[in-house]
Amino acid sequence: MSDFFHFDGIDEAEIRREKDKARKLRKSRWWQQKLAIGVCYYCGRLLGPKDLTMDHIVPLARGGRSTKENLVACCKDCNNKKKTLLPIEWEEYMGSLNK
């Protein structure tokens, strides 16, 4: 097993279960409505639904879950940059860009 999956004691089987939940939610009306809004949760840019991805605010590797409260639509750029950062770490990163 990779050390990545043990970042905060979360095992690979738990990560797989949460990813399965996220896949199911991607097919839901709730998620389609999120995409239709077309706004990146992090940077606020307006984008088309095809340019948005699903992100866990608290990453799975850091103990997050695939729940409606923890899932947001965001642009691919923000999702790739955020990776496994917690919200406070992401805010610090975004703040450093504005300086």
Protein backbone atom coordinates (compact mmCIF):
# COMPACT_ATOMS: atom_id res chain seq x y z
CA MET A 1 0.00 0.00 0.00
CA SER A 2 1.09 3.53 -0.75
CA ASP A 3 1.94 5.91 2.10
CA PHE A 4 -0.42 8.44 0.47
CA PHE A 5 -3.41 6.42 1.62
CA HIS A 6 -2.19 6.48 5.21
CA PHE A 7 -1.78 10.26 5.43
CA ASP A 8 -4.08 10.55 8.42
CA GLY A 9 -4.65 6.89 9.12
CA ILE A 10 -7.21 6.52 6.29
CA ASP A 11 -6.85 3.16 4.61
CA GLU A 12 -7.15 2.34 0.94
CA ALA A 13 -10.45 0.45 1.35
CA GLU A 14 -12.06 3.49 2.99
CA ILE A 15 -10.81 5.75 0.19
CA ARG A 16 -12.32 3.35 -2.38
CA ARG A 17 -15.69 3.35 -0.59
CA GLU A 18 -15.76 7.15 -0.50
CA LYS A 19 -14.78 7.38 -4.18
CA ASP A 20 -17.66 5.03 -5.01
CA LYS A 21 -20.05 7.31 -3.11
CA ALA A 22 -18.72 10.30 -5.06
CA ARG A 23 -19.26 8.47 -8.39
CA LYS A 24 -22.88 7.83 -7.43
CA LEU A 25 -23.41 11.45 -6.44
CA ARG A 26 -21.98 12.58 -9.81
CA LYS A 27 -24.98 10.95 -11.45
CA SER A 28 -27.49 12.70 -9.19
CA ARG A 29 -29.75 15.63 -9.94
CA TRP A 30 -28.09 17.48 -7.07
CA TRP A 31 -24.70 17.32 -8.82
CA GLN A 32 -26.16 18.24 -12.22
CA GLN A 33 -27.62 21.38 -10.61
CA LYS A 34 -24.21 22.22 -9.10
CA LEU A 35 -22.63 21.95 -12.54
CA ALA A 36 -25.39 24.00 -14.17
CA ILE A 37 -24.53 26.96 -11.90
CA GLY A 38 -21.12 26.93 -13.59
CA VAL A 39 -19.06 28.62 -10.87
CA CYS A 40 -15.78 27.37 -9.43
CA TYR A 41 -16.14 27.10 -5.66
CA TYR A 42 -12.57 28.30 -5.11
CA CYS A 43 -11.78 31.02 -7.65
CA GLY A 44 -15.33 32.05 -8.55
CA ARG A 45 -14.79 31.91 -12.33
CA LEU A 46 -17.81 31.22 -14.52
CA LEU A 47 -17.29 28.07 -16.56
CA GLY A 48 -19.28 25.55 -18.52
CA PRO A 49 -20.32 22.30 -16.84
CA LYS A 50 -17.69 20.35 -18.82
CA ASP A 51 -14.95 22.56 -17.36
CA LEU A 52 -15.87 21.79 -13.75
CA THR A 53 -14.75 18.85 -11.65
CA MET A 54 -15.87 17.43 -8.33
CA ASP A 55 -13.64 18.23 -5.36
CA HIS A 56 -13.71 17.18 -1.73
CA ILE A 57 -13.28 20.31 0.42
CA VAL A 58 -11.66 18.11 3.06
CA PRO A 59 -9.76 15.59 0.91
CA LEU A 60 -10.39 11.87 1.32
CA ALA A 61 -6.73 11.37 2.18
CA ARG A 62 -7.19 13.81 5.07
CA GLY A 63 -10.32 12.16 6.46
CA GLY A 64 -12.97 13.86 4.31
CA ARG A 65 -16.12 12.08 3.17
CA SER A 66 -18.17 12.01 -0.02
CA THR A 67 -21.13 13.96 1.31
CA LYS A 68 -23.05 16.85 -0.22
CA GLU A 69 -21.59 19.15 2.42
CA ASN A 70 -18.02 18.20 1.48
CA LEU A 71 -18.31 18.13 -2.33
CA VAL A 72 -18.04 21.19 -4.56
CA ALA A 73 -17.75 21.98 -8.24
CA CYS A 74 -14.46 23.62 -9.12
CA CYS A 75 -12.32 24.33 -12.15
CA LYS A 76 -9.63 21.87 -13.12
CA ASP A 77 -6.89 24.41 -12.38
CA CYS A 78 -8.01 24.88 -8.77
CA ASN A 79 -8.58 21.15 -8.28
CA ASN A 80 -5.08 20.33 -9.55
CA LYS A 81 -3.47 23.00 -7.37
CA LYS A 82 -5.46 22.17 -4.22
CA LYS A 83 -4.67 18.43 -4.25
CA THR A 84 -4.82 17.28 -0.60
CA LEU A 85 -4.78 20.69 1.08
CA LEU A 86 -7.22 21.36 3.89
CA PRO A 87 -9.41 24.48 3.59
CA ILE A 88 -7.13 26.55 5.85
CA GLU A 89 -4.05 25.48 3.89
CA TRP A 90 -5.78 26.35 0.61
CA GLU A 91 -6.78 29.79 1.96
CA GLU A 92 -3.16 30.44 2.95
CA TYR A 93 -2.01 29.40 -0.53
CA MET A 94 -4.59 31.65 -2.26
CA GLY A 95 -3.62 34.52 0.07
CA SER A 96 0.03 34.14 -0.87
CA LEU A 97 -0.91 34.60 -4.54
CA ASN A 98 -2.58 37.93 -3.82
CA LYS A 99 0.53 39.44 -2.19
